[in-house]
Protein backbone atom coordinates (compact mmCIF):
# COMPACT_ATOMS: atom_id res chain seq x y z
CA MET A 1 3.37 -21.55 -27.98
CA ARG A 2 0.26 -19.68 -29.01
CA GLY A 3 -1.86 -21.47 -26.38
CA ALA A 4 0.70 -20.82 -23.64
CA GLY A 5 0.69 -17.10 -24.48
CA ARG A 6 -3.09 -16.99 -24.19
CA ARG A 7 -2.97 -18.82 -20.86
CA SER A 8 -0.38 -16.33 -19.53
CA ALA A 9 -2.52 -13.41 -20.68
CA GLY A 10 -5.56 -15.02 -19.06
CA TRP A 11 -3.77 -15.45 -15.73
CA ALA A 12 -2.54 -11.86 -15.92
CA ALA A 13 -6.11 -10.64 -16.47
CA ILE A 14 -7.37 -12.71 -13.52
CA ALA A 15 -4.59 -11.33 -11.28
CA ALA A 16 -5.37 -7.77 -12.37
CA ALA A 17 -9.11 -8.26 -11.75
CA ALA A 18 -8.42 -9.68 -8.28
CA GLY A 19 -6.53 -6.52 -7.39
CA LEU A 20 -9.26 -4.05 -8.39
CA GLY A 21 -9.77 -1.44 -5.72
CA ILE A 22 -6.27 -1.93 -4.28
CA ALA A 23 -3.54 0.41 -5.46
CA ASN A 24 -0.23 -0.76 -6.88
CA ALA A 25 2.88 0.92 -5.52
CA GLU A 26 5.82 2.27 -7.46
CA GLU A 27 9.21 2.29 -5.75
CA ILE A 28 10.55 5.83 -5.97
CA GLY A 29 13.72 5.43 -3.91
CA SER A 30 15.59 3.58 -1.20
CA VAL A 31 18.53 3.90 1.16
CA ASP A 32 20.78 1.13 2.47
CA THR A 33 20.76 0.74 6.24
CA ALA A 34 23.08 -2.26 6.76
CA PHE A 35 25.69 -3.91 4.56
CA LYS A 36 25.24 -7.61 3.81
CA LEU A 37 28.20 -9.56 2.42
CA LEU A 38 25.90 -11.99 0.61
CA GLY A 39 22.71 -10.76 -1.03
CA PRO A 40 21.24 -7.26 -1.06
CA ASP A 41 21.75 -4.85 1.83
CA HIS A 42 19.01 -4.14 4.36
CA LYS A 43 17.25 -0.96 3.29
CA VAL A 44 14.36 1.44 3.71
CA VAL A 45 12.22 1.70 0.59
CA VAL A 46 9.88 4.57 -0.32
CA GLU A 47 6.92 3.63 -2.51
CA ALA A 48 4.18 5.82 -3.95
CA PHE A 49 0.61 4.94 -4.87
CA ASP A 50 -2.49 6.88 -5.87
CA ASP A 51 -5.74 6.39 -3.99
CA PRO A 52 -7.79 4.19 -6.35
CA LYS A 53 -11.09 6.00 -5.63
CA VAL A 54 -9.92 9.57 -5.01
CA SER A 55 -8.04 11.18 -7.87
CA GLY A 56 -5.61 13.88 -6.85
CA VAL A 57 -4.39 12.02 -3.71
CA ALA A 58 -0.93 10.44 -3.66
CA CYS A 59 0.36 8.39 -0.74
CA TYR A 60 3.94 7.57 0.16
CA VAL A 61 4.85 4.57 2.30
CA SER A 62 8.34 3.99 3.69
CA ARG A 63 9.18 0.56 5.02
CA ALA A 64 12.12 -1.58 6.04
CA LYS A 65 13.14 -4.40 3.67
CA THR A 66 15.33 -7.24 4.83
CA GLY A 67 18.33 -8.06 2.68
CA GLY A 68 20.81 -10.89 2.76
CA ILE A 69 20.26 -14.27 1.18
CA LYS A 70 16.77 -14.73 2.68
CA GLY A 71 15.77 -11.27 1.40
CA ALA A 72 17.10 -12.04 -2.08
CA LEU A 73 15.13 -15.29 -2.19
CA GLY A 74 11.94 -13.69 -0.85
CA LEU A 75 12.03 -15.80 2.32
CA ALA A 76 12.76 -13.03 4.84
CA GLU A 77 10.14 -11.38 7.00
CA ASP A 78 10.44 -7.61 6.81
CA PRO A 79 10.25 -5.66 10.09
CA ALA A 80 6.95 -3.96 10.91
CA ARG A 81 8.43 -0.45 10.76
CA PHE A 82 6.86 1.97 8.34
CA SER A 83 5.45 5.42 7.78
CA VAL A 84 2.73 6.87 5.55
CA ALA A 85 2.10 10.37 4.19
CA CYS A 86 -0.77 11.22 1.84
CA ARG A 87 -0.93 14.57 0.08
CA GLN A 88 -3.03 16.39 -2.46
CA ALA A 89 -1.23 16.02 -5.80
CA GLY A 90 -3.93 17.49 -8.05
CA ALA A 91 -7.59 18.41 -8.10
CA ILE A 92 -9.46 16.08 -5.74
CA ALA A 93 -12.32 14.21 -7.38
CA PHE A 94 -14.23 11.18 -6.12
CA ARG A 95 -14.76 8.32 -8.59
CA GLU A 96 -17.63 6.99 -6.46
CA PRO A 97 -19.04 7.40 -2.95
CA LEU A 98 -16.58 6.13 -0.34
CA PRO A 99 -17.21 3.58 2.38
CA ARG A 100 -16.37 4.85 5.85
CA GLN A 101 -13.35 2.51 5.95
CA GLU A 102 -11.60 0.66 3.12
CA GLU A 103 -8.23 -0.95 2.42
CA VAL A 104 -6.53 0.93 -0.41
CA PHE A 105 -3.07 -0.70 -0.45
CA SER A 106 -1.57 -4.05 0.51
CA GLU A 107 1.88 -5.47 -0.09
CA SER A 108 3.57 -8.62 1.13
CA ALA A 109 6.20 -8.24 3.86
CA SER A 110 7.07 -11.95 4.02
CA LEU A 111 6.69 -15.03 1.86
CA VAL A 112 3.13 -15.77 3.01
CA PHE A 113 2.27 -14.59 6.47
CA LYS A 114 2.68 -10.81 6.73
CA HIS A 115 1.37 -7.79 4.81
CA VAL A 116 1.78 -4.04 5.03
CA ARG A 117 -1.66 -2.48 4.64
CA VAL A 118 -3.04 1.03 4.21
CA VAL A 119 -6.66 1.70 5.13
CA ARG A 120 -8.56 4.88 4.21
CA ILE A 121 -10.94 6.05 6.95
CA VAL A 122 -13.40 8.88 6.27
CA ASP A 123 -13.77 11.38 9.10
CA ALA A 124 -17.07 12.82 7.86
CA ARG A 125 -17.41 15.29 10.73
CA ARG A 126 -14.13 16.99 9.81
CA ASN A 127 -14.38 16.28 6.05
CA THR A 128 -11.01 14.56 6.20
CA LEU A 129 -9.48 11.43 4.69
CA VAL A 130 -7.38 9.54 7.22
CA TYR A 131 -4.87 6.93 6.04
CA LEU A 132 -3.65 4.31 8.54
CA THR A 133 -0.80 1.90 7.80
CA TYR A 134 -0.10 -1.25 9.82
CA ALA A 135 1.15 -4.80 9.40
CA ASP A 136 -0.84 -7.95 9.89
CA ARG A 137 0.19 -11.56 10.26
CA LEU A 138 -1.65 -14.81 9.77
CA ILE A 139 -1.57 -15.56 13.50
CA ASP A 140 -1.08 -12.20 15.24
CA GLY A 141 -0.76 -8.62 14.08
CA HIS A 142 1.68 -5.86 14.98
CA PRO A 143 0.70 -2.83 17.03
CA ASP A 144 3.17 -0.66 15.05
CA ASN A 145 1.25 1.79 12.90
CA ALA A 146 1.36 5.23 11.34
CA VAL A 147 -1.38 7.67 10.37
CA THR A 148 -1.75 10.71 8.13
CA ALA A 149 -4.76 12.94 7.50
CA LEU A 150 -5.78 14.95 4.44
CA PRO A 151 -8.55 17.55 4.84
CA VAL A 152 -10.76 17.91 1.77
CA LEU A 153 -11.49 21.57 1.18
CA GLY A 154 -14.15 22.90 -1.15
CA HIS A 155 -16.59 19.98 -1.27
CA ALA A 156 -18.01 17.26 0.98
CA ILE A 157 -16.72 13.71 0.83
CA PRO A 158 -19.46 11.54 -0.73
CA LEU A 159 -20.23 8.55 1.50
CA ALA A 160 -21.56 5.20 0.36
CA PRO A 161 -24.69 4.01 2.16
CA ARG A 162 -23.95 1.64 5.05
């Protein structure tokens, strides 16, 4: 058993290292949208995550989650309907210079093929952080998207060299 525990810890460390730079979301609430006799109901979930490189910025993503038996088994493909709102939740500080565009959040919306993504785009001219959410698929993406903008007051956004 001791060896198995070490292997599990090793895999957990590898998984955590692979996710560096991408935020993890915390579900903060949900509402049911359709009753399902078997399995969980269809719902809209609200998740929160902090920008991994900008302390003091919290983002909230709402998205549809498919219920029923396929949803319970993780086999359903969630609809590409979502919203994003990012707000200042404390003193803004930059952990490092930011690239002009960077993915800050990704979460699966189907077993393998689809992800909900949030990309941070720096609008240097207006000193604003823009967050865009969209879904992608292995073969084709979805045009559905949402955007929010957060002006940074008091200091310039540090940019990484190109």
